[in-house]
All heavy atoms as atom14 arrays in JSON, in Angstrom:
{
  "sequence": "LVSDFLAAYPDIELELHSGDSIVDLIEHRADVAVRIGPLRDSTLHAK",
  "atom14_mask": [
    [1, 1, 1, 1, 1, 1, 1, 1, 0, 0, 0, 0, 0, 0],
    [1, 1, 1, 1, 1, 1, 1, 0, 0, 0, 0, 0, 0, 0],
    [1, 1, 1, 1, 1, 1, 0, 0, 0, 0, 0, 0, 0, 0],
    [1, 1, 1, 1, 1, 1, 1, 1, 0, 0, 0, 0, 0, 0],
    [1, 1, 1, 1, 1, 1, 1, 1, 1, 1, 1, 0, 0, 0],
    [1, 1, 1, 1, 1, 1, 1, 1, 0, 0, 0, 0, 0, 0],
    [1, 1, 1, 1, 1, 0, 0, 0, 0, 0, 0, 0, 0, 0],
    [1, 1, 1, 1, 1, 0, 0, 0, 0, 0, 0, 0, 0, 0],
    [1, 1, 1, 1, 1, 1, 1, 1, 1, 1, 1, 1, 0, 0],
    [1, 1, 1, 1, 1, 1, 1, 0, 0, 0, 0, 0, 0, 0],
    [1, 1, 1, 1, 1, 1, 1, 1, 0, 0, 0, 0, 0, 0],
    [1, 1, 1, 1, 1, 1, 1, 1, 0, 0, 0, 0, 0, 0],
    [1, 1, 1, 1, 1, 1, 1, 1, 1, 0, 0, 0, 0, 0],
    [1, 1, 1, 1, 1, 1, 1, 1, 0, 0, 0, 0, 0, 0],
    [1, 1, 1, 1, 1, 1, 1, 1, 1, 0, 0, 0, 0, 0],
    [1, 1, 1, 1, 1, 1, 1, 1, 0, 0, 0, 0, 0, 0],
    [1, 1, 1, 1, 1, 1, 1, 1, 1, 1, 0, 0, 0, 0],
    [1, 1, 1, 1, 1, 1, 0, 0, 0, 0, 0, 0, 0, 0],
    [1, 1, 1, 1, 0, 0, 0, 0, 0, 0, 0, 0, 0, 0],
    [1, 1, 1, 1, 1, 1, 1, 1, 0, 0, 0, 0, 0, 0],
    [1, 1, 1, 1, 1, 1, 0, 0, 0, 0, 0, 0, 0, 0],
    [1, 1, 1, 1, 1, 1, 1, 1, 0, 0, 0, 0, 0, 0],
    [1, 1, 1, 1, 1, 1, 1, 0, 0, 0, 0, 0, 0, 0],
    [1, 1, 1, 1, 1, 1, 1, 1, 0, 0, 0, 0, 0, 0],
    [1, 1, 1, 1, 1, 1, 1, 1, 0, 0, 0, 0, 0, 0],
    [1, 1, 1, 1, 1, 1, 1, 1, 0, 0, 0, 0, 0, 0],
    [1, 1, 1, 1, 1, 1, 1, 1, 1, 0, 0, 0, 0, 0],
    [1, 1, 1, 1, 1, 1, 1, 1, 1, 1, 0, 0, 0, 0],
    [1, 1, 1, 1, 1, 1, 1, 1, 1, 1, 1, 0, 0, 0],
    [1, 1, 1, 1, 1, 0, 0, 0, 0, 0, 0, 0, 0, 0],
    [1, 1, 1, 1, 1, 1, 1, 1, 0, 0, 0, 0, 0, 0],
    [1, 1, 1, 1, 1, 1, 1, 0, 0, 0, 0, 0, 0, 0],
    [1, 1, 1, 1, 1, 0, 0, 0, 0, 0, 0, 0, 0, 0],
    [1, 1, 1, 1, 1, 1, 1, 0, 0, 0, 0, 0, 0, 0],
    [1, 1, 1, 1, 1, 1, 1, 1, 1, 1, 1, 0, 0, 0],
    [1, 1, 1, 1, 1, 1, 1, 1, 0, 0, 0, 0, 0, 0],
    [1, 1, 1, 1, 0, 0, 0, 0, 0, 0, 0, 0, 0, 0],
    [1, 1, 1, 1, 1, 1, 1, 0, 0, 0, 0, 0, 0, 0],
    [1, 1, 1, 1, 1, 1, 1, 1, 0, 0, 0, 0, 0, 0],
    [1, 1, 1, 1, 1, 1, 1, 1, 1, 1, 1, 0, 0, 0],
    [1, 1, 1, 1, 1, 1, 1, 1, 0, 0, 0, 0, 0, 0],
    [1, 1, 1, 1, 1, 1, 0, 0, 0, 0, 0, 0, 0, 0],
    [1, 1, 1, 1, 1, 1, 1, 0, 0, 0, 0, 0, 0, 0],
    [1, 1, 1, 1, 1, 1, 1, 1, 0, 0, 0, 0, 0, 0],
    [1, 1, 1, 1, 1, 1, 1, 1, 1, 1, 0, 0, 0, 0],
    [1, 1, 1, 1, 1, 0, 0, 0, 0, 0, 0, 0, 0, 0],
    [1, 1, 1, 1, 1, 1, 1, 1, 1, 0, 0, 0, 0, 0]
  ],
  "atom14_positions": [
    [[-6.43, 90.22, 9.73], [-5.56, 89.7, 8.67], [-4.07, 89.94, 8.94], [-3.23, 89.42, 8.2], [-5.93, 90.37, 7.34], [-7.34, 90.12, 6.82], [-7.56, 90.88, 5.51], [-7.59, 88.63, 6.6], [0.0, 0.0, 0.0], [0.0, 0.0, 0.0], [0.0, 0.0, 0.0], [0.0, 0.0, 0.0], [0.0, 0.0, 0.0], [0.0, 0.0, 0.0]],
    [[-3.75, 90.72, 9.96], [-2.35, 91.11, 10.19], [-1.44, 89.91, 10.39], [-0.35, 89.82, 9.82], [-2.26, 92.09, 11.39], [-0.82, 92.21, 11.87], [-2.78, 93.46, 10.99], [0.0, 0.0, 0.0], [0.0, 0.0, 0.0], [0.0, 0.0, 0.0], [0.0, 0.0, 0.0], [0.0, 0.0, 0.0], [0.0, 0.0, 0.0], [0.0, 0.0, 0.0]],
    [[-1.86, 88.96, 11.21], [-0.99, 87.8, 11.5], [-0.66, 87.02, 10.24], [0.51, 86.65, 10.01], [-1.66, 86.89, 12.53], [-1.8, 87.54, 13.77], [0.0, 0.0, 0.0], [0.0, 0.0, 0.0], [0.0, 0.0, 0.0], [0.0, 0.0, 0.0], [0.0, 0.0, 0.0], [0.0, 0.0, 0.0], [0.0, 0.0, 0.0], [0.0, 0.0, 0.0]],
    [[-1.65, 86.8, 9.39], [-1.41, 86.06, 8.16], [-0.51, 86.85, 7.21], [0.36, 86.26, 6.53], [-2.73, 85.74, 7.46], [-3.52, 84.64, 8.18], [-2.94, 84.0, 9.07], [-4.7, 84.45, 7.84], [0.0, 0.0, 0.0], [0.0, 0.0, 0.0], [0.0, 0.0, 0.0], [0.0, 0.0, 0.0], [0.0, 0.0, 0.0], [0.0, 0.0, 0.0]],
    [[-0.71, 88.17, 7.15], [0.12, 88.98, 6.26], [1.58, 88.95, 6.7], [2.48, 88.77, 5.87], [-0.39, 90.42, 6.23], [0.46, 91.34, 5.39], [0.43, 91.27, 4.0], [1.31, 92.26, 5.98], [1.22, 92.1, 3.22], [2.11, 93.1, 5.21], [2.06, 93.02, 3.83], [0.0, 0.0, 0.0], [0.0, 0.0, 0.0], [0.0, 0.0, 0.0]],
    [[1.82, 89.11, 7.99], [3.21, 89.12, 8.48], [3.83, 87.74, 8.42], [5.06, 87.62, 8.3], [3.24, 89.66, 9.92], [2.86, 91.14, 10.05], [2.96, 91.59, 11.51], [3.75, 92.02, 9.17], [0.0, 0.0, 0.0], [0.0, 0.0, 0.0], [0.0, 0.0, 0.0], [0.0, 0.0, 0.0], [0.0, 0.0, 0.0], [0.0, 0.0, 0.0]],
    [[3.01, 86.69, 8.47], [3.56, 85.35, 8.29], [4.04, 85.16, 6.85], [5.05, 84.49, 6.6], [2.49, 84.3, 8.63], [0.0, 0.0, 0.0], [0.0, 0.0, 0.0], [0.0, 0.0, 0.0], [0.0, 0.0, 0.0], [0.0, 0.0, 0.0], [0.0, 0.0, 0.0], [0.0, 0.0, 0.0], [0.0, 0.0, 0.0], [0.0, 0.0, 0.0]],
    [[3.31, 85.78, 5.9], [3.71, 85.68, 4.49], [4.87, 86.6, 4.16], [5.71, 86.28, 3.31], [2.51, 86.02, 3.6], [0.0, 0.0, 0.0], [0.0, 0.0, 0.0], [0.0, 0.0, 0.0], [0.0, 0.0, 0.0], [0.0, 0.0, 0.0], [0.0, 0.0, 0.0], [0.0, 0.0, 0.0], [0.0, 0.0, 0.0], [0.0, 0.0, 0.0]],
    [[4.94, 87.77, 4.84], [5.98, 88.76, 4.57], [6.6, 89.21, 5.89], [6.37, 90.33, 6.37], [5.41, 89.96, 3.81], [4.71, 89.56, 2.52], [3.32, 89.5, 2.44], [5.45, 89.22, 1.38], [2.69, 89.12, 1.27], [4.82, 88.83, 0.21], [3.44, 88.78, 0.16], [2.82, 88.4, -1.01], [0.0, 0.0, 0.0], [0.0, 0.0, 0.0]],
    [[7.41, 88.36, 6.5], [7.92, 88.63, 7.86], [8.88, 89.81, 7.95], [9.11, 90.32, 9.06], [8.62, 87.31, 8.23], [8.97, 86.68, 6.91], [7.88, 87.06, 5.98], [0.0, 0.0, 0.0], [0.0, 0.0, 0.0], [0.0, 0.0, 0.0], [0.0, 0.0, 0.0], [0.0, 0.0, 0.0], [0.0, 0.0, 0.0], [0.0, 0.0, 0.0]],
    [[9.44, 90.25, 6.84], [10.41, 91.34, 6.9], [9.77, 92.71, 6.7], [10.47, 93.73, 6.67], [11.5, 91.12, 5.84], [12.33, 89.89, 6.14], [12.58, 89.63, 7.34], [12.7, 89.17, 5.21], [0.0, 0.0, 0.0], [0.0, 0.0, 0.0], [0.0, 0.0, 0.0], [0.0, 0.0, 0.0], [0.0, 0.0, 0.0], [0.0, 0.0, 0.0]],
    [[8.47, 92.76, 6.52], [7.77, 94.04, 6.42], [7.37, 94.52, 7.81], [6.82, 93.76, 8.61], [6.51, 93.93, 5.53], [6.92, 93.7, 4.07], [5.65, 95.18, 5.63], [5.76, 93.59, 3.1], [0.0, 0.0, 0.0], [0.0, 0.0, 0.0], [0.0, 0.0, 0.0], [0.0, 0.0, 0.0], [0.0, 0.0, 0.0], [0.0, 0.0, 0.0]],
    [[7.69, 95.77, 8.11], [7.28, 96.39, 9.38], [6.0, 97.17, 9.11], [6.02, 98.2, 8.45], [8.36, 97.34, 9.88], [9.72, 96.7, 10.1], [10.78, 97.73, 10.35], [10.48, 98.75, 11.01], [11.91, 97.55, 9.88], [0.0, 0.0, 0.0], [0.0, 0.0, 0.0], [0.0, 0.0, 0.0], [0.0, 0.0, 0.0], [0.0, 0.0, 0.0]],
    [[4.9, 96.67, 9.63], [3.58, 97.24, 9.32], [3.18, 98.27, 10.37], [3.24, 98.01, 11.57], [2.55, 96.12, 9.25], [1.17, 96.47, 8.71], [1.25, 96.93, 7.26], [0.23, 95.27, 8.84], [0.0, 0.0, 0.0], [0.0, 0.0, 0.0], [0.0, 0.0, 0.0], [0.0, 0.0, 0.0], [0.0, 0.0, 0.0], [0.0, 0.0, 0.0]],
    [[2.77, 99.45, 9.89], [2.21, 100.48, 10.76], [0.79, 100.77, 10.31], [0.55, 101.07, 9.14], [3.02, 101.79, 10.69], [4.33, 101.75, 11.42], [4.98, 103.12, 11.49], [4.35, 104.1, 11.04], [6.11, 103.21, 12.0], [0.0, 0.0, 0.0], [0.0, 0.0, 0.0], [0.0, 0.0, 0.0], [0.0, 0.0, 0.0], [0.0, 0.0, 0.0]],
    [[-0.17, 100.68, 11.23], [-1.57, 100.96, 10.93], [-1.96, 102.28, 11.57], [-1.89, 102.43, 12.79], [-2.47, 99.83, 11.45], [-2.21, 98.43, 10.87], [-3.15, 97.42, 11.51], [-2.36, 98.43, 9.36], [0.0, 0.0, 0.0], [0.0, 0.0, 0.0], [0.0, 0.0, 0.0], [0.0, 0.0, 0.0], [0.0, 0.0, 0.0], [0.0, 0.0, 0.0]],
    [[-2.38, 103.22, 10.73], [-2.8, 104.54, 11.22], [-4.29, 104.7, 10.93], [-4.72, 104.62, 9.77], [-2.0, 105.64, 10.53], [-0.53, 105.6, 10.82], [0.04, 106.32, 11.83], [0.47, 104.89, 10.25], [1.34, 106.07, 11.87], [1.63, 105.2, 10.92], [0.0, 0.0, 0.0], [0.0, 0.0, 0.0], [0.0, 0.0, 0.0], [0.0, 0.0, 0.0]],
    [[-5.07, 104.93, 11.97], [-6.52, 105.05, 11.79], [-6.93, 106.51, 11.7], [-6.32, 107.4, 12.29], [-7.26, 104.39, 12.95], [-6.95, 105.03, 14.17], [0.0, 0.0, 0.0], [0.0, 0.0, 0.0], [0.0, 0.0, 0.0], [0.0, 0.0, 0.0], [0.0, 0.0, 0.0], [0.0, 0.0, 0.0], [0.0, 0.0, 0.0], [0.0, 0.0, 0.0]],
    [[-7.96, 106.74, 10.91], [-8.54, 108.07, 10.76], [-9.83, 107.93, 9.99], [-9.94, 107.11, 9.1], [0.0, 0.0, 0.0], [0.0, 0.0, 0.0], [0.0, 0.0, 0.0], [0.0, 0.0, 0.0], [0.0, 0.0, 0.0], [0.0, 0.0, 0.0], [0.0, 0.0, 0.0], [0.0, 0.0, 0.0], [0.0, 0.0, 0.0], [0.0, 0.0, 0.0]],
    [[-10.81, 108.74, 10.35], [-12.12, 108.6, 9.72], [-12.38, 109.64, 8.65], [-13.48, 109.77, 8.14], [-13.22, 108.67, 10.79], [-13.18, 107.45, 11.69], [-13.39, 106.34, 11.18], [-12.89, 107.6, 12.88], [0.0, 0.0, 0.0], [0.0, 0.0, 0.0], [0.0, 0.0, 0.0], [0.0, 0.0, 0.0], [0.0, 0.0, 0.0], [0.0, 0.0, 0.0]],
    [[-11.34, 110.4, 8.27], [-11.47, 111.35, 7.16], [-10.46, 110.99, 6.1], [-9.45, 110.33, 6.37], [-11.24, 112.79, 7.64], [-9.95, 112.92, 8.21], [0.0, 0.0, 0.0], [0.0, 0.0, 0.0], [0.0, 0.0, 0.0], [0.0, 0.0, 0.0], [0.0, 0.0, 0.0], [0.0, 0.0, 0.0], [0.0, 0.0, 0.0], [0.0, 0.0, 0.0]],
    [[-10.71, 111.42, 4.87], [-9.77, 111.16, 3.77], [-8.51, 111.97, 4.01], [-8.56, 113.16, 4.32], [-10.4, 111.53, 2.42], [-11.57, 110.6, 2.12], [-9.38, 111.48, 1.3], [-12.32, 110.93, 0.86], [0.0, 0.0, 0.0], [0.0, 0.0, 0.0], [0.0, 0.0, 0.0], [0.0, 0.0, 0.0], [0.0, 0.0, 0.0], [0.0, 0.0, 0.0]],
    [[-7.35, 111.32, 3.9], [-6.1, 111.98, 4.24], [-5.28, 112.26, 2.99], [-5.43, 111.62, 1.96], [-5.25, 111.11, 5.21], [-6.03, 110.84, 6.49], [-4.81, 109.81, 4.55], [0.0, 0.0, 0.0], [0.0, 0.0, 0.0], [0.0, 0.0, 0.0], [0.0, 0.0, 0.0], [0.0, 0.0, 0.0], [0.0, 0.0, 0.0], [0.0, 0.0, 0.0]],
    [[-4.4, 113.24, 3.12], [-3.39, 113.5, 2.11], [-2.23, 112.57, 2.41], [-1.61, 112.64, 3.48], [-2.96, 114.96, 2.17], [-1.93, 115.3, 1.13], [-0.78, 114.82, 1.25], [-2.25, 116.04, 0.19], [0.0, 0.0, 0.0], [0.0, 0.0, 0.0], [0.0, 0.0, 0.0], [0.0, 0.0, 0.0], [0.0, 0.0, 0.0], [0.0, 0.0, 0.0]],
    [[-1.9, 111.69, 1.48], [-0.9, 110.66, 1.76], [0.46, 111.26, 2.08], [1.15, 110.8, 2.98], [-0.78, 109.72, 0.56], [-2.02, 108.91, 0.19], [-1.67, 107.88, -0.87], [-2.6, 108.23, 1.4], [0.0, 0.0, 0.0], [0.0, 0.0, 0.0], [0.0, 0.0, 0.0], [0.0, 0.0, 0.0], [0.0, 0.0, 0.0], [0.0, 0.0, 0.0]],
    [[0.85, 112.3, 1.34], [2.17, 112.9, 1.58], [2.19, 113.61, 2.92], [3.12, 113.46, 3.71], [2.53, 113.87, 0.43], [2.72, 113.09, -0.87], [3.79, 114.65, 0.77], [3.02, 113.95, -2.07], [0.0, 0.0, 0.0], [0.0, 0.0, 0.0], [0.0, 0.0, 0.0], [0.0, 0.0, 0.0], [0.0, 0.0, 0.0], [0.0, 0.0, 0.0]],
    [[1.14, 114.39, 3.2], [1.09, 115.14, 4.45], [1.13, 114.2, 5.66], [1.77, 114.49, 6.66], [-0.17, 115.99, 4.5], [-0.32, 116.82, 5.77], [-1.62, 117.6, 5.81], [-2.29, 117.69, 4.76], [-1.97, 118.11, 6.89], [0.0, 0.0, 0.0], [0.0, 0.0, 0.0], [0.0, 0.0, 0.0], [0.0, 0.0, 0.0], [0.0, 0.0, 0.0]],
    [[0.44, 113.08, 5.58], [0.37, 112.15, 6.7], [1.42, 111.05, 6.6], [1.41, 110.13, 7.4], [-1.03, 111.54, 6.79], [-2.06, 112.48, 7.29], [-2.6, 113.48, 6.5], [-2.66, 112.6, 8.51], [-3.49, 114.16, 7.2], [-3.53, 113.65, 8.4], [0.0, 0.0, 0.0], [0.0, 0.0, 0.0], [0.0, 0.0, 0.0], [0.0, 0.0, 0.0]],
    [[2.3, 111.15, 5.62], [3.39, 110.18, 5.44], [2.85, 108.74, 5.4], [3.41, 107.82, 5.99], [4.44, 110.32, 6.54], [5.12, 111.69, 6.52], [6.31, 111.77, 7.45], [6.95, 113.06, 7.36], [7.83, 113.41, 6.43], [8.18, 112.53, 5.5], [8.39, 114.61, 6.41], [0.0, 0.0, 0.0], [0.0, 0.0, 0.0], [0.0, 0.0, 0.0]],
    [[1.73, 108.56, 4.71], [1.17, 107.23, 4.52], [1.65, 106.68, 3.18], [1.74, 107.42, 2.2], [-0.35, 107.29, 4.56], [0.0, 0.0, 0.0], [0.0, 0.0, 0.0], [0.0, 0.0, 0.0], [0.0, 0.0, 0.0], [0.0, 0.0, 0.0], [0.0, 0.0, 0.0], [0.0, 0.0, 0.0], [0.0, 0.0, 0.0], [0.0, 0.0, 0.0]],
    [[1.97, 105.39, 3.15], [2.41, 104.77, 1.91], [1.23, 104.27, 1.08], [1.25, 104.31, -0.14], [3.35, 103.6, 2.21], [4.55, 104.05, 3.03], [5.13, 105.1, 2.68], [4.89, 103.37, 4.01], [0.0, 0.0, 0.0], [0.0, 0.0, 0.0], [0.0, 0.0, 0.0], [0.0, 0.0, 0.0], [0.0, 0.0, 0.0], [0.0, 0.0, 0.0]],
    [[0.21, 103.8, 1.77], [-1.0, 103.32, 1.09], [-2.18, 103.59, 2.01], [-2.06, 103.53, 3.23], [-0.89, 101.81, 0.75], [-0.68, 100.98, 1.99], [-2.1, 101.34, -0.02], [0.0, 0.0, 0.0], [0.0, 0.0, 0.0], [0.0, 0.0, 0.0], [0.0, 0.0, 0.0], [0.0, 0.0, 0.0], [0.0, 0.0, 0.0], [0.0, 0.0, 0.0]],
    [[-3.3, 103.95, 1.42], [-4.51, 104.2, 2.21], [-5.65, 103.37, 1.64], [-5.7, 103.09, 0.44], [-4.88, 105.68, 2.19], [0.0, 0.0, 0.0], [0.0, 0.0, 0.0], [0.0, 0.0, 0.0], [0.0, 0.0, 0.0], [0.0, 0.0, 0.0], [0.0, 0.0, 0.0], [0.0, 0.0, 0.0], [0.0, 0.0, 0.0], [0.0, 0.0, 0.0]],
    [[-6.55, 102.97, 2.51], [-7.76, 102.29, 2.08], [-8.89, 103.3, 2.18], [-9.14, 103.86, 3.25], [-8.07, 101.06, 2.95], [-9.38, 100.42, 2.5], [-6.93, 100.06, 2.86], [0.0, 0.0, 0.0], [0.0, 0.0, 0.0], [0.0, 0.0, 0.0], [0.0, 0.0, 0.0], [0.0, 0.0, 0.0], [0.0, 0.0, 0.0], [0.0, 0.0, 0.0]],
    [[-9.55, 103.57, 1.06], [-10.62, 104.55, 1.02], [-11.94, 103.86, 0.69], [-12.02, 103.05, -0.22], [-10.32, 105.65, 0.01], [-9.17, 106.54, 0.46], [-8.97, 107.7, -0.47], [-7.9, 108.57, 0.0], [-7.42, 109.58, -0.69], [-7.9, 109.85, -1.88], [-6.45, 110.34, -0.19], [0.0, 0.0, 0.0], [0.0, 0.0, 0.0], [0.0, 0.0, 0.0]],
    [[-12.96, 104.24, 1.44], [-14.29, 103.67, 1.27], [-15.18, 104.73, 0.64], [-15.25, 105.86, 1.11], [-14.86, 103.22, 2.62], [-13.92, 102.18, 3.26], [-16.26, 102.63, 2.46], [-14.26, 101.84, 4.69], [0.0, 0.0, 0.0], [0.0, 0.0, 0.0], [0.0, 0.0, 0.0], [0.0, 0.0, 0.0], [0.0, 0.0, 0.0], [0.0, 0.0, 0.0]],
    [[-15.86, 104.37, -0.45], [-16.71, 105.31, -1.16], [-16.07, 105.74, -2.47], [-14.94, 105.34, -2.8], [0.0, 0.0, 0.0], [0.0, 0.0, 0.0], [0.0, 0.0, 0.0], [0.0, 0.0, 0.0], [0.0, 0.0, 0.0], [0.0, 0.0, 0.0], [0.0, 0.0, 0.0], [0.0, 0.0, 0.0], [0.0, 0.0, 0.0], [0.0, 0.0, 0.0]],
    [[-16.77, 106.55, -3.26], [-16.24, 107.0, -4.56], [-14.94, 107.78, -4.4], [-14.78, 108.56, -3.46], [-17.36, 107.9, -5.1], [-18.59, 107.49, -4.35], [-18.13, 107.06, -3.0], [0.0, 0.0, 0.0], [0.0, 0.0, 0.0], [0.0, 0.0, 0.0], [0.0, 0.0, 0.0], [0.0, 0.0, 0.0], [0.0, 0.0, 0.0], [0.0, 0.0, 0.0]],
    [[-14.01, 107.58, -5.33], [-12.74, 108.29, -5.29], [-12.87, 109.65, -5.97], [-13.55, 109.79, -6.97], [-11.65, 107.47, -6.0], [-11.21, 106.18, -5.31], [-10.16, 105.48, -6.16], [-10.66, 106.46, -3.92], [0.0, 0.0, 0.0], [0.0, 0.0, 0.0], [0.0, 0.0, 0.0], [0.0, 0.0, 0.0], [0.0, 0.0, 0.0], [0.0, 0.0, 0.0]],
    [[-12.18, 110.64, -5.42], [-12.2, 111.97, -6.0], [-10.85, 112.36, -6.59], [-10.78, 113.16, -7.5], [-12.58, 113.0, -4.92], [-13.95, 112.76, -4.29], [-14.2, 113.76, -3.18], [-15.44, 113.47, -2.46], [-15.83, 114.12, -1.37], [-15.08, 115.09, -0.9], [-16.96, 113.81, -0.78], [0.0, 0.0, 0.0], [0.0, 0.0, 0.0], [0.0, 0.0, 0.0]],
    [[-9.77, 111.81, -6.03], [-8.43, 112.23, -6.42], [-7.91, 111.33, -7.54], [-7.56, 110.18, -7.31], [-7.5, 112.16, -5.21], [-6.17, 112.86, -5.46], [-5.85, 113.09, -6.64], [-5.47, 113.18, -4.5], [0.0, 0.0, 0.0], [0.0, 0.0, 0.0], [0.0, 0.0, 0.0], [0.0, 0.0, 0.0], [0.0, 0.0, 0.0], [0.0, 0.0, 0.0]],
    [[-7.84, 111.86, -8.75], [-7.42, 111.06, -9.9], [-5.91, 110.97, -10.03], [-5.4, 110.28, -10.91], [-7.99, 111.66, -11.19], [-7.51, 112.97, -11.39], [0.0, 0.0, 0.0], [0.0, 0.0, 0.0], [0.0, 0.0, 0.0], [0.0, 0.0, 0.0], [0.0, 0.0, 0.0], [0.0, 0.0, 0.0], [0.0, 0.0, 0.0], [0.0, 0.0, 0.0]],
    [[-5.16, 111.67, -9.16], [-3.7, 111.64, -9.27], [-3.1, 110.42, -8.59], [-1.91, 110.18, -8.7], [-3.1, 112.91, -8.62], [-3.36, 112.9, -7.21], [-3.68, 114.16, -9.24], [0.0, 0.0, 0.0], [0.0, 0.0, 0.0], [0.0, 0.0, 0.0], [0.0, 0.0, 0.0], [0.0, 0.0, 0.0], [0.0, 0.0, 0.0], [0.0, 0.0, 0.0]],
    [[-3.91, 109.65, -7.89], [-3.41, 108.5, -7.16], [-3.58, 107.22, -7.96], [-4.52, 107.07, -8.74], [-4.18, 108.35, -5.83], [-4.05, 109.49, -4.83], [-5.05, 109.29, -3.7], [-2.65, 109.58, -4.28], [0.0, 0.0, 0.0], [0.0, 0.0, 0.0], [0.0, 0.0, 0.0], [0.0, 0.0, 0.0], [0.0, 0.0, 0.0], [0.0, 0.0, 0.0]],
    [[-2.68, 106.28, -7.75], [-2.89, 104.92, -8.23], [-3.99, 104.32, -7.36], [-3.98, 104.48, -6.15], [-1.63, 104.09, -8.09], [-0.52, 104.52, -9.01], [-0.34, 103.97, -10.25], [0.43, 105.46, -8.87], [0.7, 104.55, -10.84], [1.18, 105.45, -10.01], [0.0, 0.0, 0.0], [0.0, 0.0, 0.0], [0.0, 0.0, 0.0], [0.0, 0.0, 0.0]],
    [[-4.92, 103.62, -7.96], [-6.01, 103.03, -7.19], [-6.29, 101.61, -7.65], [-6.32, 101.34, -8.84], [-7.28, 103.88, -7.34], [0.0, 0.0, 0.0], [0.0, 0.0, 0.0], [0.0, 0.0, 0.0], [0.0, 0.0, 0.0], [0.0, 0.0, 0.0], [0.0, 0.0, 0.0], [0.0, 0.0, 0.0], [0.0, 0.0, 0.0], [0.0, 0.0, 0.0]],
    [[-6.46, 100.72, -6.69], [-6.81, 99.33, -7.01], [-8.11, 98.99, -6.29], [-8.18, 99.08, -5.06], [-5.71, 98.37, -6.57], [-6.04, 96.9, -6.87], [-4.94, 95.98, -6.41], [-5.3, 94.51, -6.64], [-5.43, 94.17, -8.05], [0.0, 0.0, 0.0], [0.0, 0.0, 0.0], [0.0, 0.0, 0.0], [0.0, 0.0, 0.0], [0.0, 0.0, 0.0]]
  ]
}
């Protein structure tokens, strides 16, 4: 989906960071994470 996303939003610089464990967004300096499975952290905005 990357090509289509950057075609729609060409001024966004996208960085993809892979990891197979749930990460702390602040610690890993991630702006948004995709999580698979039930959520545990209620302090996050989730869609």
